[in-house]
């Protein structure tokens, strides 16, 4: 699995959620937190909570390359000046 390093070059914290439909589908592996819940019919079912990440100003973080598919990450990379800087590893 390819990794990338994102650096927050902005002055405010950057936060994004790794949505299941975008990131997990692209990596063909679900890394969402799953908790079992009991439904009204008494049967257990999984409840998924997608992962998220935060970057303080100047902070760098290594992530799976699939996060580049997120619209919030794409928008931050295209801003002028860019809010995020990409370093491929």
PDB file of N, CA and C in Angstrom:
ATOM      1  N   UNK A   1       0.838  -1.176   0.000  1.00  0.00           N
ATOM      2  CA  UNK A   1       0.000   0.000   0.000  1.00  0.00           C
ATOM      3  C   UNK A   1       0.889   1.248   0.000  1.00  0.00           C
ATOM      4  N   UNK A   2       0.654   2.126  -0.955  1.00  0.00           N
ATOM      5  CA  UNK A   2       1.464   3.341  -1.083  1.00  0.00           C
ATOM      6  C   UNK A   2       1.117   4.336   0.026  1.00  0.00           C
ATOM      7  N   UNK A   3       2.136   5.062   0.431  1.00  0.00           N
ATOM      8  CA  UNK A   3       1.972   6.070   1.488  1.00  0.00           C
ATOM      9  C   UNK A   3       2.305   7.442   0.929  1.00  0.00           C
ATOM     10  N   UNK A   4       1.690   8.456   1.501  1.00  0.00           N
ATOM     11  CA  UNK A   4       2.005   9.846   1.188  1.00  0.00           C
ATOM     12  C   UNK A   4       2.156  10.590   2.503  1.00  0.00           C
ATOM     13  N   UNK A   5       2.862  11.698   2.452  1.00  0.00           N
ATOM     14  CA  UNK A   5       2.989  12.562   3.619  1.00  0.00           C
ATOM     15  C   UNK A   5       2.325  13.880   3.266  1.00  0.00           C
ATOM     16  N   UNK A   6       1.355  14.281   4.089  1.00  0.00           N
ATOM     17  CA  UNK A   6       0.703  15.568   3.914  1.00  0.00           C
ATOM     18  C   UNK A   6       1.217  16.519   4.974  1.00  0.00           C
ATOM     19  N   UNK A   7       1.507  17.752   4.555  1.00  0.00           N
ATOM     20  CA  UNK A   7       1.954  18.778   5.490  1.00  0.00           C
ATOM     21  C   UNK A   7       0.969  19.935   5.442  1.00  0.00           C
ATOM     22  N   UNK A   8       0.520  20.375   6.614  1.00  0.00           N
ATOM     23  CA  UNK A   8      -0.377  21.517   6.703  1.00  0.00           C
ATOM     24  C   UNK A   8       0.455  22.789   6.585  1.00  0.00           C
ATOM     25  N   UNK A   9       0.314  23.501   5.470  1.00  0.00           N
ATOM     26  CA  UNK A   9       1.056  24.737   5.252  1.00  0.00           C
ATOM     27  C   UNK A   9       0.214  25.966   5.574  1.00  0.00           C
ATOM     28  N   UNK A  10      -1.010  25.731   5.999  1.00  0.00           N
ATOM     29  CA  UNK A  10      -1.897  26.838   6.348  1.00  0.00           C
ATOM     30  C   UNK A  10      -1.695  27.306   7.785  1.00  0.00           C
ATOM     31  N   UNK A  11      -2.512  28.280   8.197  1.00  0.00           N
ATOM     32  CA  UNK A  11      -2.421  28.807   9.556  1.00  0.00           C
ATOM     33  C   UNK A  11      -3.471  28.228  10.494  1.00  0.00           C
ATOM     34  N   UNK A  12      -4.357  27.405   9.950  1.00  0.00           N
ATOM     35  CA  UNK A  12      -5.399  26.798  10.769  1.00  0.00           C
ATOM     36  C   UNK A  12      -5.298  25.276  10.692  1.00  0.00           C
ATOM     37  N   UNK A  13      -5.877  24.617  11.682  1.00  0.00           N
ATOM     38  CA  UNK A  13      -5.890  23.150  11.711  1.00  0.00           C
ATOM     39  C   UNK A  13      -6.660  22.620  10.509  1.00  0.00           C
ATOM     40  N   UNK A  14      -6.188  21.509   9.946  1.00  0.00           N
ATOM     41  CA  UNK A  14      -6.879  20.839   8.847  1.00  0.00           C
ATOM     42  C   UNK A  14      -7.405  19.511   9.365  1.00  0.00           C
ATOM     43  N   UNK A  15      -8.642  19.200   9.033  1.00  0.00           N
ATOM     44  CA  UNK A  15      -9.256  17.953   9.485  1.00  0.00           C
ATOM     45  C   UNK A  15     -10.034  17.327   8.332  1.00  0.00           C
ATOM     46  N   UNK A  16      -9.934  16.010   8.205  1.00  0.00           N
ATOM     47  CA  UNK A  16     -10.675  15.288   7.166  1.00  0.00           C
ATOM     48  C   UNK A  16     -11.102  13.930   7.691  1.00  0.00           C
ATOM     49  N   UNK A  17     -12.226  13.454   7.186  1.00  0.00           N
ATOM     50  CA  UNK A  17     -12.740  12.132   7.530  1.00  0.00           C
ATOM     51  C   UNK A  17     -12.534  11.204   6.351  1.00  0.00           C
ATOM     52  N   UNK A  18     -11.966  10.037   6.624  1.00  0.00           N
ATOM     53  CA  UNK A  18     -11.741   9.029   5.579  1.00  0.00           C
ATOM     54  C   UNK A  18     -13.063   8.298   5.339  1.00  0.00           C
ATOM     55  N   UNK A  19     -13.887   8.844   4.477  1.00  0.00           N
ATOM     56  CA  UNK A  19     -15.210   8.269   4.247  1.00  0.00           C
ATOM     57  C   UNK A  19     -15.101   6.841   3.716  1.00  0.00           C
ATOM     58  N   UNK A  20     -15.963   5.987   4.237  1.00  0.00           N
ATOM     59  CA  UNK A  20     -15.942   4.566   3.900  1.00  0.00           C
ATOM     60  C   UNK A  20     -16.119   4.345   2.397  1.00  0.00           C
ATOM     61  N   UNK A  21     -17.080   5.033   1.793  1.00  0.00           N
ATOM     62  CA  UNK A  21     -17.379   4.815   0.373  1.00  0.00           C
ATOM     63  C   UNK A  21     -16.231   5.210  -0.539  1.00  0.00           C
ATOM     64  N   UNK A  22     -15.400   6.149  -0.120  1.00  0.00           N
ATOM     65  CA  UNK A  22     -14.307   6.612  -0.966  1.00  0.00           C
ATOM     66  C   UNK A  22     -12.998   5.888  -0.630  1.00  0.00           C
ATOM     67  N   UNK A  23     -12.546   6.006   0.605  1.00  0.00           N
ATOM     68  CA  UNK A  23     -11.221   5.510   0.978  1.00  0.00           C
ATOM     69  C   UNK A  23     -11.187   3.995   1.138  1.00  0.00           C
ATOM     70  N   UNK A  24     -12.106   3.432   1.889  1.00  0.00           N
ATOM     71  CA  UNK A  24     -12.088   1.976   2.108  1.00  0.00           C
ATOM     72  C   UNK A  24     -12.314   1.217   0.804  1.00  0.00           C
ATOM     73  N   UNK A  25     -13.180   1.729  -0.038  1.00  0.00           N
ATOM     74  CA  UNK A  25     -13.431   1.069  -1.328  1.00  0.00           C
ATOM     75  C   UNK A  25     -12.178   1.120  -2.207  1.00  0.00           C
ATOM     76  N   UNK A  26     -11.461   2.241  -2.185  1.00  0.00           N
ATOM     77  CA  UNK A  26     -10.253   2.379  -3.000  1.00  0.00           C
ATOM     78  C   UNK A  26      -9.136   1.463  -2.513  1.00  0.00           C
ATOM     79  N   UNK A  27      -9.041   1.269  -1.209  1.00  0.00           N
ATOM     80  CA  UNK A  27      -7.954   0.419  -0.689  1.00  0.00           C
ATOM     81  C   UNK A  27      -8.382  -1.051  -0.603  1.00  0.00           C
ATOM     82  N   UNK A  28      -9.635  -1.346  -0.925  1.00  0.00           N
ATOM     83  CA  UNK A  28     -10.181  -2.706  -0.860  1.00  0.00           C
ATOM     84  C   UNK A  28     -10.029  -3.311   0.524  1.00  0.00           C
ATOM     85  N   UNK A  29     -10.075  -2.470   1.524  1.00  0.00           N
ATOM     86  CA  UNK A  29      -9.955  -2.917   2.908  1.00  0.00           C
ATOM     87  C   UNK A  29     -10.605  -1.859   3.794  1.00  0.00           C
ATOM     88  N   UNK A  30     -11.448  -2.296   4.697  1.00  0.00           N
ATOM     89  CA  UNK A  30     -12.115  -1.362   5.596  1.00  0.00           C
ATOM     90  C   UNK A  30     -11.287  -1.202   6.866  1.00  0.00           C
ATOM     91  N   UNK A  31     -10.948   0.051   7.179  1.00  0.00           N
ATOM     92  CA  UNK A  31     -10.230   0.343   8.415  1.00  0.00           C
ATOM     93  C   UNK A  31     -11.088   1.191   9.358  1.00  0.00           C
ATOM     94  N   UNK A  32     -12.382   1.202   9.095  1.00  0.00           N
ATOM     95  CA  UNK A  32     -13.300   1.924   9.965  1.00  0.00           C
ATOM     96  C   UNK A  32     -13.392   1.213  11.316  1.00  0.00           C
ATOM     97  N   UNK A  33     -13.675   1.987  12.348  1.00  0.00           N
ATOM     98  CA  UNK A  33     -13.936   1.386  13.654  1.00  0.00           C
ATOM     99  C   UNK A  33     -15.338   0.790  13.600  1.00  0.00           C
ATOM    100  N   UNK A  34     -15.470  -0.452  14.008  1.00  0.00           N
ATOM    101  CA  UNK A  34     -16.765  -1.121  13.967  1.00  0.00           C
ATOM    102  C   UNK A  34     -17.173  -1.516  15.376  1.00  0.00           C
ATOM    103  N   UNK A  35     -18.381  -1.126  15.726  1.00  0.00           N
ATOM    104  CA  UNK A  35     -18.951  -1.522  17.026  1.00  0.00           C
ATOM    105  C   UNK A  35     -20.233  -2.286  16.751  1.00  0.00           C
ATOM    106  N   UNK A  36     -20.484  -3.277  17.567  1.00  0.00           N
ATOM    107  CA  UNK A  36     -21.704  -4.060  17.414  1.00  0.00           C
ATOM    108  C   UNK A  36     -22.806  -3.407  18.214  1.00  0.00           C
ATOM    109  N   UNK A  37     -23.961  -3.247  17.568  1.00  0.00           N
ATOM    110  CA  UNK A  37     -25.136  -2.673  18.218  1.00  0.00           C
ATOM    111  C   UNK A  37     -26.264  -3.679  18.163  1.00  0.00           C
ATOM    112  N   UNK A  38     -27.193  -3.523  19.053  1.00  0.00           N
ATOM    113  CA  UNK A  38     -28.384  -4.377  19.066  1.00  0.00           C
ATOM    114  C   UNK A  38     -29.544  -3.574  18.492  1.00  0.00           C
ATOM    115  N   UNK A  39     -30.150  -4.094  17.436  1.00  0.00           N
ATOM    116  CA  UNK A  39     -31.275  -3.419  16.787  1.00  0.00           C
ATOM    117  C   UNK A  39     -32.570  -3.612  17.561  1.00  0.00           C
ATOM    118  N   UNK A  40     -33.635  -2.989  17.094  1.00  0.00           N
ATOM    119  CA  UNK A  40     -34.923  -3.089  17.782  1.00  0.00           C
ATOM    120  C   UNK A  40     -35.498  -4.500  17.716  1.00  0.00           C
ATOM    121  N   UNK A  41     -35.012  -5.290  16.759  1.00  0.00           N
ATOM    122  CA  UNK A  41     -35.462  -6.679  16.658  1.00  0.00           C
ATOM    123  C   UNK A  41     -34.618  -7.622  17.524  1.00  0.00           C
ATOM    124  N   UNK A  42     -33.644  -7.064  18.252  1.00  0.00           N
ATOM    125  CA  UNK A  42     -32.817  -7.869  19.140  1.00  0.00           C
ATOM    126  C   UNK A  42     -31.589  -8.480  18.479  1.00  0.00           C
ATOM    127  N   UNK A  43     -31.435  -8.287  17.177  1.00  0.00           N
ATOM    128  CA  UNK A  43     -30.281  -8.839  16.470  1.00  0.00           C
ATOM    129  C   UNK A  43     -29.133  -7.833  16.466  1.00  0.00           C
ATOM    130  N   UNK A  44     -27.914  -8.373  16.550  1.00  0.00           N
ATOM    131  CA  UNK A  44     -26.719  -7.523  16.526  1.00  0.00           C
ATOM    132  C   UNK A  44     -26.374  -7.164  15.084  1.00  0.00           C
ATOM    133  N   UNK A  45     -25.895  -5.951  14.899  1.00  0.00           N
ATOM    134  CA  UNK A  45     -25.437  -5.520  13.583  1.00  0.00           C
ATOM    135  C   UNK A  45     -24.229  -4.598  13.767  1.00  0.00           C
ATOM    136  N   UNK A  46     -23.341  -4.544  12.777  1.00  0.00           N
ATOM    137  CA  UNK A  46     -22.153  -3.680  12.903  1.00  0.00           C
ATOM    138  C   UNK A  46     -22.494  -2.224  12.585  1.00  0.00           C
ATOM    139  N   UNK A  47     -21.927  -1.329  13.347  1.00  0.00           N
ATOM    140  CA  UNK A  47     -22.071   0.105  13.112  1.00  0.00           C
ATOM    141  C   UNK A  47     -20.669   0.654  12.846  1.00  0.00           C
ATOM    142  N   UNK A  48     -20.459   1.255  11.676  1.00  0.00           N
ATOM    143  CA  UNK A  48     -19.118   1.687  11.277  1.00  0.00           C
ATOM    144  C   UNK A  48     -18.914   3.178  11.517  1.00  0.00           C
ATOM    145  N   UNK A  49     -17.719   3.499  11.998  1.00  0.00           N
ATOM    146  CA  UNK A  49     -17.315   4.883  12.216  1.00  0.00           C
ATOM    147  C   UNK A  49     -16.022   5.105  11.438  1.00  0.00           C
ATOM    148  N   UNK A  50     -16.058   5.938  10.387  1.00  0.00           N
ATOM    149  CA  UNK A  50     -14.858   6.157   9.582  1.00  0.00           C
ATOM    150  C   UNK A  50     -13.753   6.832  10.377  1.00  0.00           C
ATOM    151  N   UNK A  51     -12.505   6.563   9.967  1.00  0.00           N
ATOM    152  CA  UNK A  51     -11.361   7.211  10.603  1.00  0.00           C
ATOM    153  C   UNK A  51     -11.289   8.660  10.151  1.00  0.00           C
ATOM    154  N   UNK A  52     -10.624   9.458  10.937  1.00  0.00           N
ATOM    155  CA  UNK A  52     -10.382  10.846  10.552  1.00  0.00           C
ATOM    156  C   UNK A  52      -8.958  11.211  10.963  1.00  0.00           C
ATOM    157  N   UNK A  53      -8.479  12.334  10.459  1.00  0.00           N
ATOM    158  CA  UNK A  53      -7.153  12.798  10.842  1.00  0.00           C
ATOM    159  C   UNK A  53      -7.146  14.315  10.922  1.00  0.00           C
ATOM    160  N   UNK A  54      -6.228  14.819  11.746  1.00  0.00           N
ATOM    161  CA  UNK A  54      -6.061  16.260  11.940  1.00  0.00           C
ATOM    162  C   UNK A  54      -4.600  16.623  11.768  1.00  0.00           C
ATOM    163  N   UNK A  55      -4.389  17.794  11.210  1.00  0.00           N
ATOM    164  CA  UNK A  55      -3.033  18.325  11.059  1.00  0.00           C
ATOM    165  C   UNK A  55      -3.008  19.745  11.609  1.00  0.00           C
ATOM    166  N   UNK A  56      -2.191  19.962  12.612  1.00  0.00           N
ATOM    167  CA  UNK A  56      -1.987  21.309  13.131  1.00  0.00           C
ATOM    168  C   UNK A  56      -1.124  22.076  12.131  1.00  0.00           C
ATOM    169  N   UNK A  57      -1.126  23.396  12.174  1.00  0.00           N
ATOM    170  CA  UNK A  57      -0.268  24.160  11.263  1.00  0.00           C
ATOM    171  C   UNK A  57       1.194  23.716  11.365  1.00  0.00           C
ATOM    172  N   UNK A  58       1.805  23.427  10.220  1.00  0.00           N
ATOM    173  CA  UNK A  58       3.194  22.989  10.169  1.00  0.00           C
ATOM    174  C   UNK A  58       3.404  21.502  10.407  1.00  0.00           C
ATOM    175  N   UNK A  59       2.372  20.781  10.792  1.00  0.00           N
ATOM    176  CA  UNK A  59       2.491  19.347  11.102  1.00  0.00           C
ATOM    177  C   UNK A  59       2.474  18.511   9.826  1.00  0.00           C
ATOM    178  N   UNK A  60       3.246  17.412   9.836  1.00  0.00           N
ATOM    179  CA  UNK A  60       3.268  16.437   8.745  1.00  0.00           C
ATOM    180  C   UNK A  60       2.728  15.111   9.257  1.00  0.00           C
ATOM    181  N   UNK A  61       2.052  14.363   8.374  1.00  0.00           N
ATOM    182  CA  UNK A  61       1.480  13.081   8.765  1.00  0.00           C
ATOM    183  C   UNK A  61       1.544  12.114   7.591  1.00  0.00           C
ATOM    184  N   UNK A  62       2.030  10.889   7.848  1.00  0.00           N
ATOM    185  CA  UNK A  62       2.067   9.849   6.820  1.00  0.00           C
ATOM    186  C   UNK A  62       0.716   9.132   6.804  1.00  0.00           C
ATOM    187  N   UNK A  63       0.137   9.036   5.612  1.00  0.00           N
ATOM    188  CA  UNK A  63      -1.186   8.427   5.449  1.00  0.00           C
ATOM    189  C   UNK A  63      -1.194   7.515   4.230  1.00  0.00           C
ATOM    190  N   UNK A  64      -2.206   6.653   4.137  1.00  0.00           N
ATOM    191  CA  UNK A  64      -2.398   5.841   2.936  1.00  0.00           C
ATOM    192  C   UNK A  64      -2.699   6.781   1.768  1.00  0.00           C
ATOM    193  N   UNK A  65      -2.195   6.465   0.587  1.00  0.00           N
ATOM    194  CA  UNK A  65      -2.372   7.335  -0.580  1.00  0.00           C
ATOM    195  C   UNK A  65      -3.832   7.510  -0.979  1.00  0.00           C
ATOM    196  N   UNK A  66      -4.696   6.628  -0.540  1.00  0.00           N
ATOM    197  CA  UNK A  66      -6.120   6.722  -0.897  1.00  0.00           C
ATOM    198  C   UNK A  66      -6.784   7.986  -0.349  1.00  0.00           C
ATOM    199  N   UNK A  67      -6.196   8.618   0.667  1.00  0.00           N
ATOM    200  CA  UNK A  67      -6.792   9.853   1.198  1.00  0.00           C
ATOM    201  C   UNK A  67      -6.769  10.967   0.162  1.00  0.00           C
ATOM    202  N   UNK A  68      -5.936  10.820  -0.874  1.00  0.00           N
ATOM    203  CA  UNK A  68      -5.889  11.835  -1.928  1.00  0.00           C
ATOM    204  C   UNK A  68      -7.179  11.858  -2.740  1.00  0.00           C
ATOM    205  N   UNK A  69      -8.024  10.862  -2.596  1.00  0.00           N
ATOM    206  CA  UNK A  69      -9.317  10.816  -3.292  1.00  0.00           C
ATOM    207  C   UNK A  69     -10.381  11.649  -2.583  1.00  0.00           C
ATOM    208  N   UNK A  70     -10.119  12.062  -1.346  1.00  0.00           N
ATOM    209  CA  UNK A  70     -11.095  12.839  -0.582  1.00  0.00           C
ATOM    210  C   UNK A  70     -11.212  14.247  -1.148  1.00  0.00           C
ATOM    211  N   UNK A  71     -12.443  14.727  -1.301  1.00  0.00           N
ATOM    212  CA  UNK A  71     -12.656  16.053  -1.879  1.00  0.00           C
ATOM    213  C   UNK A  71     -12.066  17.150  -1.000  1.00  0.00           C
ATOM    214  N   UNK A  72     -12.084  16.992   0.320  1.00  0.00           N
ATOM    215  CA  UNK A  72     -11.519  18.018   1.205  1.00  0.00           C
ATOM    216  C   UNK A  72     -10.006  18.110   1.033  1.00  0.00           C
ATOM    217  N   UNK A  73      -9.349  16.966   0.845  1.00  0.00           N
ATOM    218  CA  UNK A  73      -7.897  16.953   0.634  1.00  0.00           C
ATOM    219  C   UNK A  73      -7.571  17.545  -0.731  1.00  0.00           C
ATOM    220  N   UNK A  74      -8.317  17.159  -1.776  1.00  0.00           N
ATOM    221  CA  UNK A  74      -8.085  17.698  -3.115  1.00  0.00           C
ATOM    222  C   UNK A  74      -8.250  19.215  -3.135  1.00  0.00           C
ATOM    223  N   UNK A  75      -9.283  19.717  -2.465  1.00  0.00           N
ATOM    224  CA  UNK A  75      -9.526  21.163  -2.428  1.00  0.00           C
ATOM    225  C   UNK A  75      -8.395  21.888  -1.707  1.00  0.00           C
ATOM    226  N   UNK A  76      -7.910  21.323  -0.601  1.00  0.00           N
ATOM    227  CA  UNK A  76      -6.834  21.958   0.169  1.00  0.00           C
ATOM    228  C   UNK A  76      -5.520  21.979  -0.612  1.00  0.00           C
ATOM    229  N   UNK A  77      -5.282  20.959  -1.440  1.00  0.00           N
ATOM    230  CA  UNK A  77      -4.070  20.920  -2.261  1.00  0.00           C
ATOM    231  C   UNK A  77      -4.127  21.945  -3.403  1.00  0.00           C
ATOM    232  N   UNK A  78      -5.353  22.278  -3.861  1.00  0.00           N
ATOM    233  CA  UNK A  78      -5.523  23.196  -4.995  1.00  0.00           C
ATOM    234  C   UNK A  78      -5.677  24.653  -4.574  1.00  0.00           C
ATOM    235  N   UNK A  79      -5.879  24.911  -3.277  1.00  0.00           N
ATOM    236  CA  UNK A  79      -6.037  26.295  -2.824  1.00  0.00           C
ATOM    237  C   UNK A  79      -4.807  27.121  -3.170  1.00  0.00           C
ATOM    238  N   UNK A  80      -4.998  28.428  -3.300  1.00  0.00           N
ATOM    239  CA  UNK A  80      -3.879  29.336  -3.563  1.00  0.00           C
ATOM    240  C   UNK A  80      -3.824  30.344  -2.429  1.00  0.00           C
ATOM    241  N   UNK A  81      -2.776  30.347  -1.606  1.00  0.00           N
ATOM    242  CA  UNK A  81      -1.706  29.349  -1.533  1.00  0.00           C
ATOM    243  C   UNK A  81      -2.252  28.028  -0.988  1.00  0.00           C
ATOM    244  N   UNK A  82      -1.604  26.918  -1.303  1.00  0.00           N
ATOM    245  CA  UNK A  82      -2.124  25.607  -0.872  1.00  0.00           C
ATOM    246  C   UNK A  82      -2.121  25.452   0.646  1.00  0.00           C
ATOM    247  N   UNK A  83      -3.192  24.865   1.162  1.00  0.00           N
ATOM    248  CA  UNK A  83      -3.297  24.582   2.590  1.00  0.00           C
ATOM    249  C   UNK A  83      -2.539  23.326   2.964  1.00  0.00           C
ATOM    250  N   UNK A  84      -2.420  22.411   2.002  1.00  0.00           N
ATOM    251  CA  UNK A  84      -1.684  21.160   2.218  1.00  0.00           C
ATOM    252  C   UNK A  84      -0.595  21.037   1.164  1.00  0.00           C
ATOM    253  N   UNK A  85       0.502  20.443   1.558  1.00  0.00           N
ATOM    254  CA  UNK A  85       1.600  20.140   0.641  1.00  0.00           C
ATOM    255  C   UNK A  85       1.764  18.626   0.630  1.00  0.00           C
ATOM    256  N   UNK A  86       1.980  18.039  -0.526  1.00  0.00           N
ATOM    257  CA  UNK A  86       2.092  16.597  -0.687  1.00  0.00           C
ATOM    258  C   UNK A  86       3.527  16.174  -0.878  1.00  0.00           C
ATOM    259  N   UNK A  87       3.909  15.147  -0.113  1.00  0.00           N
ATOM    260  CA  UNK A  87       5.229  14.518  -0.282  1.00  0.00           C
ATOM    261  C   UNK A  87       4.968  13.030  -0.472  1.00  0.00           C
ATOM    262  N   UNK A  88       5.340  12.479  -1.607  1.00  0.00           N
ATOM    263  CA  UNK A  88       5.135  11.052  -1.847  1.00  0.00           C
ATOM    264  C   UNK A  88       6.320  10.267  -1.311  1.00  0.00           C
ATOM    265  N   UNK A  89       6.019   9.089  -0.747  1.00  0.00           N
ATOM    266  CA  UNK A  89       7.090   8.242  -0.204  1.00  0.00           C
ATOM    267  C   UNK A  89       7.112   6.912  -0.910  1.00  0.00           C
TER     268      UNK A  89
END
